[in-house]
Amino acid sequence: PFVLACGFEGEPQEEAKLTGVLQATANLLSGEMIFAQANLNLCSSLRADLTSPSVLYIRKSAASTAPPVSASIQSSISVLLNQEAFVEWLNLQRPVLLKEITPDNSWVFLERREALVIFFVDSKD
């Protein structure tokens, strides 16, 4: 998934808060999502309905389509300024999938705060 922060420019104090939450969230979810930031004019070329600071959650399949890009949009300032609420919103956008843990990707799973469930499967089953 691709997380695009749009229109965070403006009031310097609010811009710093929004950018700070975005950067902290990007560090927290590193390896699980791709984060980027763009100005509102650029983002409005993807989605004409963007008129205020917003975050687009774009699934991989939607990223290759022509505008308007299909995405979940979060524009509530109270969510965007609260890292815990923002992370929760991002996690709710993802489908629940069981992923295979391997030595190459184990760090992604082991650094998460939520519980990790491991299923042992016998290849004969």
Foldseek 3Di string as FASTA:
>chain_A
DEKEKEALDDDPVSSVLLVVLQVVLCVLQPPPYHYYYDYNVVLCLQPVPDDHTKMWAADPVQVPDGHVGDTDIDDDSVQSNDNVSVNVVNVVVDDDDDDDDDPVRVVSVVSDPDDDDDDDDDPVD
